[in-house]
Amino acid sequence: MPAPGEPGGRAADARDAPPGAGRGDLVHNRVAMLRAERRISRREFAEAIGVHYQTVGYLERGEFNPSLHLALRIARFFEVPLEFVFSLDEFPRIGPQGG
């Protein structure tokens, strides 16, 4: 039986997170930035990587950590290395710094 978020499986979402997977297990990502740069809607992106569009929202808000398989599909979609999209450390903010 395919795992959630994988081809042939149902779309992964925040309910698929293992018990105890809280903010301490957060994987930071640049999905929203990459998607916005390429002017791709959540629905278009979700369809391309094989998940429900709400899963993309959960992912972008940091409410869902993708499986390794899904993370690799996302990096392939954007044609960038995996570590450019995902990190255990927060990415530096881009743009004007409020002060």
PDB file of N, CA and C in Angstrom:
ATOM      1  N   MET A   1       0.851  -1.181   0.000  1.00  0.00           N
ATOM      2  CA  MET A   1       0.000   0.000   0.000  1.00  0.00           C
ATOM      3  C   MET A   1       0.892   1.239   0.000  1.00  0.00           C
ATOM      4  N   PRO A   2       0.672   2.195  -0.940  1.00  0.00           N
ATOM      5  CA  PRO A   2       1.502   3.396  -0.999  1.00  0.00           C
ATOM      6  C   PRO A   2       1.318   4.263   0.235  1.00  0.00           C
ATOM      7  N   ALA A   3       2.379   4.939   0.601  1.00  0.00           N
ATOM      8  CA  ALA A   3       2.343   5.845   1.751  1.00  0.00           C
ATOM      9  C   ALA A   3       1.601   7.122   1.380  1.00  0.00           C
ATOM     10  N   PRO A   4       1.037   7.833   2.354  1.00  0.00           N
ATOM     11  CA  PRO A   4       0.382   9.106   2.073  1.00  0.00           C
ATOM     12  C   PRO A   4       1.339  10.056   1.368  1.00  0.00           C
ATOM     13  N   GLY A   5       0.826  10.772   0.382  1.00  0.00           N
ATOM     14  CA  GLY A   5       1.632  11.742  -0.341  1.00  0.00           C
ATOM     15  C   GLY A   5       2.468  11.141  -1.447  1.00  0.00           C
ATOM     16  N   GLU A   6       2.426   9.823  -1.609  1.00  0.00           N
ATOM     17  CA  GLU A   6       3.193   9.171  -2.656  1.00  0.00           C
ATOM     18  C   GLU A   6       2.256   8.722  -3.758  1.00  0.00           C
ATOM     19  N   PRO A   7       2.785   8.517  -4.973  1.00  0.00           N
ATOM     20  CA  PRO A   7       1.934   8.105  -6.079  1.00  0.00           C
ATOM     21  C   PRO A   7       1.096   6.893  -5.700  1.00  0.00           C
ATOM     22  N   GLY A   8      -0.188   6.978  -5.963  1.00  0.00           N
ATOM     23  CA  GLY A   8      -1.086   5.882  -5.648  1.00  0.00           C
ATOM     24  C   GLY A   8      -1.659   5.955  -4.247  1.00  0.00           C
ATOM     25  N   GLY A   9      -1.093   6.797  -3.396  1.00  0.00           N
ATOM     26  CA  GLY A   9      -1.589   6.967  -2.030  1.00  0.00           C
ATOM     27  C   GLY A   9      -2.468   8.195  -1.959  1.00  0.00           C
ATOM     28  N   ARG A  10      -3.187   8.337  -0.854  1.00  0.00           N
ATOM     29  CA  ARG A  10      -3.988   9.546  -0.715  1.00  0.00           C
ATOM     30  C   ARG A  10      -3.056  10.712  -0.421  1.00  0.00           C
ATOM     31  N   ALA A  11      -3.529  11.912  -0.645  1.00  0.00           N
ATOM     32  CA  ALA A  11      -2.710  13.099  -0.410  1.00  0.00           C
ATOM     33  C   ALA A  11      -2.348  13.201   1.064  1.00  0.00           C
ATOM     34  N   ALA A  12      -1.092  13.510   1.329  1.00  0.00           N
ATOM     35  CA  ALA A  12      -0.640  13.690   2.709  1.00  0.00           C
ATOM     36  C   ALA A  12      -1.123  15.036   3.213  1.00  0.00           C
ATOM     37  N   ASP A  13      -1.438  15.097   4.474  1.00  0.00           N
ATOM     38  CA  ASP A  13      -1.788  16.375   5.073  1.00  0.00           C
ATOM     39  C   ASP A  13      -1.337  16.385   6.523  1.00  0.00           C
ATOM     40  N   ALA A  14      -1.674  17.437   7.251  1.00  0.00           N
ATOM     41  CA  ALA A  14      -1.186  17.596   8.619  1.00  0.00           C
ATOM     42  C   ALA A  14      -1.623  16.453   9.521  1.00  0.00           C
ATOM     43  N   ARG A  15      -2.723  15.784   9.196  1.00  0.00           N
ATOM     44  CA  ARG A  15      -3.179  14.661  10.018  1.00  0.00           C
ATOM     45  C   ARG A  15      -2.247  13.467   9.903  1.00  0.00           C
ATOM     46  N   ASP A  16      -1.395  13.449   8.881  1.00  0.00           N
ATOM     47  CA  ASP A  16      -0.486  12.331   8.679  1.00  0.00           C
ATOM     48  C   ASP A  16       0.787  12.446   9.505  1.00  0.00           C
ATOM     49  N   ALA A  17       0.957  13.555  10.205  1.00  0.00           N
ATOM     50  CA  ALA A  17       2.154  13.729  11.026  1.00  0.00           C
ATOM     51  C   ALA A  17       2.150  12.695  12.146  1.00  0.00           C
ATOM     52  N   PRO A  18       3.317  12.125  12.442  1.00  0.00           N
ATOM     53  CA  PRO A  18       3.365  11.134  13.510  1.00  0.00           C
ATOM     54  C   PRO A  18       3.065  11.766  14.860  1.00  0.00           C
ATOM     55  N   PRO A  19       2.543  10.978  15.808  1.00  0.00           N
ATOM     56  CA  PRO A  19       2.264  11.521  17.137  1.00  0.00           C
ATOM     57  C   PRO A  19       3.519  12.147  17.735  1.00  0.00           C
ATOM     58  N   GLY A  20       3.361  13.302  18.341  1.00  0.00           N
ATOM     59  CA  GLY A  20       4.485  13.973  18.983  1.00  0.00           C
ATOM     60  C   GLY A  20       5.302  14.830  18.033  1.00  0.00           C
ATOM     61  N   ALA A  21       4.923  14.874  16.756  1.00  0.00           N
ATOM     62  CA  ALA A  21       5.661  15.704  15.804  1.00  0.00           C
ATOM     63  C   ALA A  21       5.188  17.139  15.988  1.00  0.00           C
ATOM     64  N   GLY A  22       5.887  17.879  16.790  1.00  0.00           N
ATOM     65  CA  GLY A  22       5.485  19.246  17.092  1.00  0.00           C
ATOM     66  C   GLY A  22       6.444  20.244  16.483  1.00  0.00           C
ATOM     67  N   ARG A  23       6.408  21.454  16.989  1.00  0.00           N
ATOM     68  CA  ARG A  23       7.243  22.534  16.458  1.00  0.00           C
ATOM     69  C   ARG A  23       8.728  22.212  16.579  1.00  0.00           C
ATOM     70  N   GLY A  24       9.120  21.392  17.547  1.00  0.00           N
ATOM     71  CA  GLY A  24      10.524  21.029  17.681  1.00  0.00           C
ATOM     72  C   GLY A  24      11.036  20.210  16.514  1.00  0.00           C
ATOM     73  N   ASP A  25      10.127  19.597  15.769  1.00  0.00           N
ATOM     74  CA  ASP A  25      10.492  18.796  14.610  1.00  0.00           C
ATOM     75  C   ASP A  25      10.321  19.575  13.313  1.00  0.00           C
ATOM     76  N   LEU A  26      10.164  20.879  13.408  1.00  0.00           N
ATOM     77  CA  LEU A  26       9.870  21.713  12.251  1.00  0.00           C
ATOM     78  C   LEU A  26      10.995  21.669  11.227  1.00  0.00           C
ATOM     79  N   VAL A  27      10.611  21.493   9.989  1.00  0.00           N
ATOM     80  CA  VAL A  27      11.526  21.606   8.861  1.00  0.00           C
ATOM     81  C   VAL A  27      11.144  22.898   8.149  1.00  0.00           C
ATOM     82  N   HIS A  28      12.067  23.842   8.089  1.00  0.00           N
ATOM     83  CA  HIS A  28      11.813  25.121   7.426  1.00  0.00           C
ATOM     84  C   HIS A  28      11.875  24.903   5.918  1.00  0.00           C
ATOM     85  N   ASN A  29      11.094  25.705   5.179  1.00  0.00           N
ATOM     86  CA  ASN A  29      11.113  25.545   3.729  1.00  0.00           C
ATOM     87  C   ASN A  29      10.893  26.869   3.019  1.00  0.00           C
ATOM     88  N   ARG A  30      11.248  26.869   1.738  1.00  0.00           N
ATOM     89  CA  ARG A  30      11.089  28.036   0.874  1.00  0.00           C
ATOM     90  C   ARG A  30      10.029  27.783  -0.202  1.00  0.00           C
ATOM     91  N   VAL A  31       9.118  26.894   0.060  1.00  0.00           N
ATOM     92  CA  VAL A  31       8.132  26.527  -0.956  1.00  0.00           C
ATOM     93  C   VAL A  31       7.313  27.740  -1.392  1.00  0.00           C
ATOM     94  N   ALA A  32       6.799  28.521  -0.458  1.00  0.00           N
ATOM     95  CA  ALA A  32       5.972  29.680  -0.812  1.00  0.00           C
ATOM     96  C   ALA A  32       6.759  30.670  -1.664  1.00  0.00           C
ATOM     97  N   MET A  33       8.011  30.923  -1.291  1.00  0.00           N
ATOM     98  CA  MET A  33       8.842  31.856  -2.046  1.00  0.00           C
ATOM     99  C   MET A  33       9.073  31.353  -3.470  1.00  0.00           C
ATOM    100  N   LEU A  34       9.441  30.086  -3.600  1.00  0.00           N
ATOM    101  CA  LEU A  34       9.707  29.525  -4.923  1.00  0.00           C
ATOM    102  C   LEU A  34       8.446  29.511  -5.783  1.00  0.00           C
ATOM    103  N   ARG A  35       7.332  29.168  -5.174  1.00  0.00           N
ATOM    104  CA  ARG A  35       6.074  29.119  -5.912  1.00  0.00           C
ATOM    105  C   ARG A  35       5.671  30.520  -6.368  1.00  0.00           C
ATOM    106  N   ALA A  36       5.829  31.515  -5.489  1.00  0.00           N
ATOM    107  CA  ALA A  36       5.476  32.894  -5.830  1.00  0.00           C
ATOM    108  C   ALA A  36       6.381  33.442  -6.932  1.00  0.00           C
ATOM    109  N   GLU A  37       7.681  33.158  -6.848  1.00  0.00           N
ATOM    110  CA  GLU A  37       8.622  33.613  -7.879  1.00  0.00           C
ATOM    111  C   GLU A  37       8.233  33.107  -9.258  1.00  0.00           C
ATOM    112  N   ARG A  38       7.695  31.910  -9.300  1.00  0.00           N
ATOM    113  CA  ARG A  38       7.337  31.283 -10.573  1.00  0.00           C
ATOM    114  C   ARG A  38       5.871  31.504 -10.946  1.00  0.00           C
ATOM    115  N   ARG A  39       5.175  32.260 -10.101  1.00  0.00           N
ATOM    116  CA  ARG A  39       3.762  32.594 -10.331  1.00  0.00           C
ATOM    117  C   ARG A  39       2.915  31.344 -10.583  1.00  0.00           C
ATOM    118  N   ILE A  40       3.059  30.389  -9.675  1.00  0.00           N
ATOM    119  CA  ILE A  40       2.323  29.130  -9.755  1.00  0.00           C
ATOM    120  C   ILE A  40       1.304  29.108  -8.618  1.00  0.00           C
ATOM    121  N   SER A  41       0.065  28.799  -8.930  1.00  0.00           N
ATOM    122  CA  SER A  41      -0.964  28.735  -7.883  1.00  0.00           C
ATOM    123  C   SER A  41      -0.753  27.501  -7.013  1.00  0.00           C
ATOM    124  N   ARG A  42      -1.353  27.530  -5.839  1.00  0.00           N
ATOM    125  CA  ARG A  42      -1.274  26.359  -4.953  1.00  0.00           C
ATOM    126  C   ARG A  42      -1.857  25.130  -5.635  1.00  0.00           C
ATOM    127  N   ARG A  43      -2.969  25.313  -6.326  1.00  0.00           N
ATOM    128  CA  ARG A  43      -3.612  24.178  -7.000  1.00  0.00           C
ATOM    129  C   ARG A  43      -2.722  23.609  -8.100  1.00  0.00           C
ATOM    130  N   GLU A  44      -2.121  24.474  -8.904  1.00  0.00           N
ATOM    131  CA  GLU A  44      -1.234  24.001  -9.979  1.00  0.00           C
ATOM    132  C   GLU A  44      -0.047  23.239  -9.397  1.00  0.00           C
ATOM    133  N   PHE A  45       0.541  23.809  -8.358  1.00  0.00           N
ATOM    134  CA  PHE A  45       1.698  23.178  -7.726  1.00  0.00           C
ATOM    135  C   PHE A  45       1.314  21.840  -7.113  1.00  0.00           C
ATOM    136  N   ALA A  46       0.198  21.822  -6.396  1.00  0.00           N
ATOM    137  CA  ALA A  46      -0.267  20.589  -5.755  1.00  0.00           C
ATOM    138  C   ALA A  46      -0.494  19.488  -6.787  1.00  0.00           C
ATOM    139  N   GLU A  47      -1.128  19.838  -7.885  1.00  0.00           N
ATOM    140  CA  GLU A  47      -1.386  18.852  -8.937  1.00  0.00           C
ATOM    141  C   GLU A  47      -0.075  18.318  -9.508  1.00  0.00           C
ATOM    142  N   ALA A  48       0.891  19.202  -9.703  1.00  0.00           N
ATOM    143  CA  ALA A  48       2.175  18.804 -10.285  1.00  0.00           C
ATOM    144  C   ALA A  48       2.959  17.851  -9.386  1.00  0.00           C
ATOM    145  N   ILE A  49       2.828  18.014  -8.063  1.00  0.00           N
ATOM    146  CA  ILE A  49       3.593  17.146  -7.154  1.00  0.00           C
ATOM    147  C   ILE A  49       2.752  16.025  -6.560  1.00  0.00           C
ATOM    148  N   GLY A  50       1.460  15.998  -6.909  1.00  0.00           N
ATOM    149  CA  GLY A  50       0.614  14.883  -6.506  1.00  0.00           C
ATOM    150  C   GLY A  50       0.063  14.922  -5.096  1.00  0.00           C
ATOM    151  N   VAL A  51      -0.258  16.135  -4.600  1.00  0.00           N
ATOM    152  CA  VAL A  51      -0.877  16.262  -3.277  1.00  0.00           C
ATOM    153  C   VAL A  51      -2.106  17.159  -3.381  1.00  0.00           C
ATOM    154  N   HIS A  52      -2.893  17.225  -2.319  1.00  0.00           N
ATOM    155  CA  HIS A  52      -4.052  18.110  -2.256  1.00  0.00           C
ATOM    156  C   HIS A  52      -3.551  19.539  -2.070  1.00  0.00           C
ATOM    157  N   TYR A  53      -4.265  20.513  -2.643  1.00  0.00           N
ATOM    158  CA  TYR A  53      -3.806  21.899  -2.538  1.00  0.00           C
ATOM    159  C   TYR A  53      -3.731  22.377  -1.087  1.00  0.00           C
ATOM    160  N   GLN A  54      -4.571  21.833  -0.200  1.00  0.00           N
ATOM    161  CA  GLN A  54      -4.498  22.241   1.204  1.00  0.00           C
ATOM    162  C   GLN A  54      -3.195  21.773   1.846  1.00  0.00           C
ATOM    163  N   THR A  55      -2.653  20.666   1.376  1.00  0.00           N
ATOM    164  CA  THR A  55      -1.370  20.184   1.887  1.00  0.00           C
ATOM    165  C   THR A  55      -0.280  21.208   1.605  1.00  0.00           C
ATOM    166  N   VAL A  56      -0.346  21.849   0.441  1.00  0.00           N
ATOM    167  CA  VAL A  56       0.628  22.888   0.102  1.00  0.00           C
ATOM    168  C   VAL A  56       0.522  24.030   1.109  1.00  0.00           C
ATOM    169  N   GLY A  57      -0.683  24.425   1.468  1.00  0.00           N
ATOM    170  CA  GLY A  57      -0.871  25.472   2.473  1.00  0.00           C
ATOM    171  C   GLY A  57      -0.293  25.082   3.818  1.00  0.00           C
ATOM    172  N   TYR A  58      -0.568  23.849   4.259  1.00  0.00           N
ATOM    173  CA  TYR A  58      -0.004  23.358   5.522  1.00  0.00           C
ATOM    174  C   TYR A  58       1.524  23.400   5.475  1.00  0.00           C
ATOM    175  N   LEU A  59       2.076  22.974   4.367  1.00  0.00           N
ATOM    176  CA  LEU A  59       3.526  22.937   4.190  1.00  0.00           C
ATOM    177  C   LEU A  59       4.108  24.346   4.252  1.00  0.00           C
ATOM    178  N   GLU A  60       3.504  25.274   3.517  1.00  0.00           N
ATOM    179  CA  GLU A  60       4.018  26.644   3.478  1.00  0.00           C
ATOM    180  C   GLU A  60       3.924  27.346   4.831  1.00  0.00           C
ATOM    181  N   ARG A  61       2.941  26.993   5.624  1.00  0.00           N
ATOM    182  CA  ARG A  61       2.790  27.609   6.952  1.00  0.00           C
ATOM    183  C   ARG A  61       3.599  26.894   8.025  1.00  0.00           C
ATOM    184  N   GLY A  62       4.294  25.837   7.658  1.00  0.00           N
ATOM    185  CA  GLY A  62       5.089  25.097   8.633  1.00  0.00           C
ATOM    186  C   GLY A  62       4.259  24.189   9.515  1.00  0.00           C
ATOM    187  N   GLU A  63       3.057  23.829   9.069  1.00  0.00           N
ATOM    188  CA  GLU A  63       2.178  22.959   9.842  1.00  0.00           C
ATOM    189  C   GLU A  63       2.305  21.500   9.424  1.00  0.00           C
ATOM    190  N   PHE A  64       3.124  21.237   8.429  1.00  0.00           N
ATOM    191  CA  PHE A  64       3.279  19.883   7.905  1.00  0.00           C
ATOM    192  C   PHE A  64       4.701  19.713   7.393  1.00  0.00           C
ATOM    193  N   ASN A  65       5.349  18.634   7.802  1.00  0.00           N
ATOM    194  CA  ASN A  65       6.662  18.286   7.273  1.00  0.00           C
ATOM    195  C   ASN A  65       6.478  17.198   6.223  1.00  0.00           C
ATOM    196  N   PRO A  66       7.051  17.390   5.042  1.00  0.00           N
ATOM    197  CA  PRO A  66       6.861  16.398   3.987  1.00  0.00           C
ATOM    198  C   PRO A  66       7.688  15.144   4.233  1.00  0.00           C
ATOM    199  N   SER A  67       7.243  14.051   3.635  1.00  0.00           N
ATOM    200  CA  SER A  67       8.066  12.839   3.624  1.00  0.00           C
ATOM    201  C   SER A  67       9.291  13.129   2.763  1.00  0.00           C
ATOM    202  N   LEU A  68      10.304  12.304   2.882  1.00  0.00           N
ATOM    203  CA  LEU A  68      11.490  12.474   2.046  1.00  0.00           C
ATOM    204  C   LEU A  68      11.104  12.383   0.574  1.00  0.00           C
ATOM    205  N   HIS A  69      10.239  11.450   0.244  1.00  0.00           N
ATOM    206  CA  HIS A  69       9.819  11.272  -1.150  1.00  0.00           C
ATOM    207  C   HIS A  69       9.145  12.533  -1.682  1.00  0.00           C
ATOM    208  N   LEU A  70       8.249  13.124  -0.895  1.00  0.00           N
ATOM    209  CA  LEU A  70       7.579  14.352  -1.316  1.00  0.00           C
ATOM    210  C   LEU A  70       8.572  15.506  -1.401  1.00  0.00           C
ATOM    211  N   ALA A  71       9.483  15.618  -0.451  1.00  0.00           N
ATOM    212  CA  ALA A  71      10.491  16.684  -0.481  1.00  0.00           C
ATOM    213  C   ALA A  71      11.342  16.588  -1.743  1.00  0.00           C
ATOM    214  N   LEU A  72      11.709  15.381  -2.129  1.00  0.00           N
ATOM    215  CA  LEU A  72      12.494  15.193  -3.353  1.00  0.00           C
ATOM    216  C   LEU A  72      11.690  15.582  -4.589  1.00  0.00           C
ATOM    217  N   ARG A  73      10.401  15.264  -4.611  1.00  0.00           N
ATOM    218  CA  ARG A  73       9.554  15.655  -5.747  1.00  0.00           C
ATOM    219  C   ARG A  73       9.439  17.180  -5.829  1.00  0.00           C
ATOM    220  N   ILE A  74       9.349  17.839  -4.680  1.00  0.00           N
ATOM    221  CA  ILE A  74       9.258  19.301  -4.655  1.00  0.00           C
ATOM    222  C   ILE A  74      10.546  19.916  -5.198  1.00  0.00           C
ATOM    223  N   ALA A  75      11.689  19.443  -4.725  1.00  0.00           N
ATOM    224  CA  ALA A  75      12.975  19.966  -5.209  1.00  0.00           C
ATOM    225  C   ALA A  75      13.119  19.730  -6.708  1.00  0.00           C
ATOM    226  N   ARG A  76      12.710  18.563  -7.172  1.00  0.00           N
ATOM    227  CA  ARG A  76      12.788  18.263  -8.609  1.00  0.00           C
ATOM    228  C   ARG A  76      11.889  19.207  -9.400  1.00  0.00           C
ATOM    229  N   PHE A  77      10.691  19.461  -8.878  1.00  0.00           N
ATOM    230  CA  PHE A  77       9.760  20.360  -9.558  1.00  0.00           C
ATOM    231  C   PHE A  77      10.394  21.736  -9.765  1.00  0.00           C
ATOM    232  N   PHE A  78      11.038  22.265  -8.721  1.00  0.00           N
ATOM    233  CA  PHE A  78      11.646  23.591  -8.803  1.00  0.00           C
ATOM    234  C   PHE A  78      13.037  23.568  -9.434  1.00  0.00           C
ATOM    235  N   GLU A  79      13.561  22.375  -9.714  1.00  0.00           N
ATOM    236  CA  GLU A  79      14.890  22.198 -10.320  1.00  0.00           C
ATOM    237  C   GLU A  79      15.983  22.845  -9.473  1.00  0.00           C
ATOM    238  N   VAL A  80      15.918  22.564  -8.174  1.00  0.00           N
ATOM    239  CA  VAL A  80      16.919  23.070  -7.228  1.00  0.00           C
ATOM    240  C   VAL A  80      17.312  21.927  -6.296  1.00  0.00           C
ATOM    241  N   PRO A  81      18.472  22.039  -5.636  1.00  0.00           N
ATOM    242  CA  PRO A  81      18.863  21.012  -4.660  1.00  0.00           C
ATOM    243  C   PRO A  81      17.890  20.986  -3.476  1.00  0.00           C
ATOM    244  N   LEU A  82      17.735  19.836  -2.888  1.00  0.00           N
ATOM    245  CA  LEU A  82      16.834  19.646  -1.749  1.00  0.00           C
ATOM    246  C   LEU A  82      17.122  20.650  -0.635  1.00  0.00           C
ATOM    247  N   GLU A  83      18.405  20.866  -0.329  1.00  0.00           N
ATOM    248  CA  GLU A  83      18.763  21.761   0.775  1.00  0.00           C
ATOM    249  C   GLU A  83      18.492  23.233   0.454  1.00  0.00           C
ATOM    250  N   PHE A  84      18.209  23.563  -0.803  1.00  0.00           N
ATOM    251  CA  PHE A  84      17.804  24.929  -1.140  1.00  0.00           C
ATOM    252  C   PHE A  84      16.353  25.171  -0.729  1.00  0.00           C
ATOM    253  N   VAL A  85      15.556  24.109  -0.731  1.00  0.00           N
ATOM    254  CA  VAL A  85      14.135  24.217  -0.392  1.00  0.00           C
ATOM    255  C   VAL A  85      13.884  23.967   1.092  1.00  0.00           C
ATOM    256  N   PHE A  86      14.601  23.007   1.681  1.00  0.00           N
ATOM    257  CA  PHE A  86      14.333  22.572   3.053  1.00  0.00           C
ATOM    258  C   PHE A  86      15.569  22.694   3.931  1.00  0.00           C
ATOM    259  N   SER A  87      15.346  23.045   5.212  1.00  0.00           N
ATOM    260  CA  SER A  87      16.444  23.174   6.162  1.00  0.00           C
ATOM    261  C   SER A  87      15.931  22.934   7.582  1.00  0.00           C
ATOM    262  N   LEU A  88      16.807  22.423   8.429  1.00  0.00           N
ATOM    263  CA  LEU A  88      16.475  22.295   9.849  1.00  0.00           C
ATOM    264  C   LEU A  88      16.605  23.645  10.552  1.00  0.00           C
ATOM    265  N   ASP A  89      17.373  24.556   9.950  1.00  0.00           N
ATOM    266  CA  ASP A  89      17.557  25.901  10.496  1.00  0.00           C
ATOM    267  C   ASP A  89      16.692  26.884   9.715  1.00  0.00           C
ATOM    268  N   GLU A  90      16.297  27.953  10.386  1.00  0.00           N
ATOM    269  CA  GLU A  90      15.488  28.973   9.730  1.00  0.00           C
ATOM    270  C   GLU A  90      16.295  29.637   8.618  1.00  0.00           C
ATOM    271  N   PHE A  91      15.652  29.924   7.501  1.00  0.00           N
ATOM    272  CA  PHE A  91      16.312  30.625   6.407  1.00  0.00           C
ATOM    273  C   PHE A  91      16.393  32.104   6.755  1.00  0.00           C
ATOM    274  N   PRO A  92      17.464  32.799   6.310  1.00  0.00           N
ATOM    275  CA  PRO A  92      17.538  34.240   6.563  1.00  0.00           C
ATOM    276  C   PRO A  92      16.396  34.955   5.837  1.00  0.00           C
ATOM    277  N   ARG A  93      15.866  35.978   6.449  1.00  0.00           N
ATOM    278  CA  ARG A  93      14.784  36.752   5.833  1.00  0.00           C
ATOM    279  C   ARG A  93      15.336  37.557   4.667  1.00  0.00           C
ATOM    280  N   ILE A  94      14.518  37.672   3.633  1.00  0.00           N
ATOM    281  CA  ILE A  94      14.888  38.446   2.448  1.00  0.00           C
ATOM    282  C   ILE A  94      13.988  39.669   2.410  1.00  0.00           C
ATOM    283  N   GLY A  95      14.568  40.823   2.040  1.00  0.00           N
ATOM    284  CA  GLY A  95      13.756  42.025   1.924  1.00  0.00           C
ATOM    285  C   GLY A  95      14.080  43.012   3.023  1.00  0.00           C
ATOM    286  N   PRO A  96      13.322  44.113   3.033  1.00  0.00           N
ATOM    287  CA  PRO A  96      13.587  45.165   4.024  1.00  0.00           C
ATOM    288  C   PRO A  96      13.334  44.676   5.442  1.00  0.00           C
ATOM    289  N   GLN A  97      14.224  45.058   6.315  1.00  0.00           N
ATOM    290  CA  GLN A  97      14.105  44.701   7.730  1.00  0.00           C
ATOM    291  C   GLN A  97      13.406  45.848   8.450  1.00  0.00           C
ATOM    292  N   GLY A  98      12.300  45.526   9.097  1.00  0.00           N
ATOM    293  CA  GLY A  98      11.565  46.559   9.848  1.00  0.00           C
ATOM    294  C   GLY A  98      12.374  47.013  11.049  1.00  0.00           C
ATOM    295  N   GLY A  99      12.229  48.260  11.423  1.00  0.00           N
ATOM    296  CA  GLY A  99      13.036  48.700  12.536  1.00  0.00           C
ATOM    297  C   GLY A  99      12.463  49.780  13.245  1.00  0.00           C
TER     298      GLY A  99
END
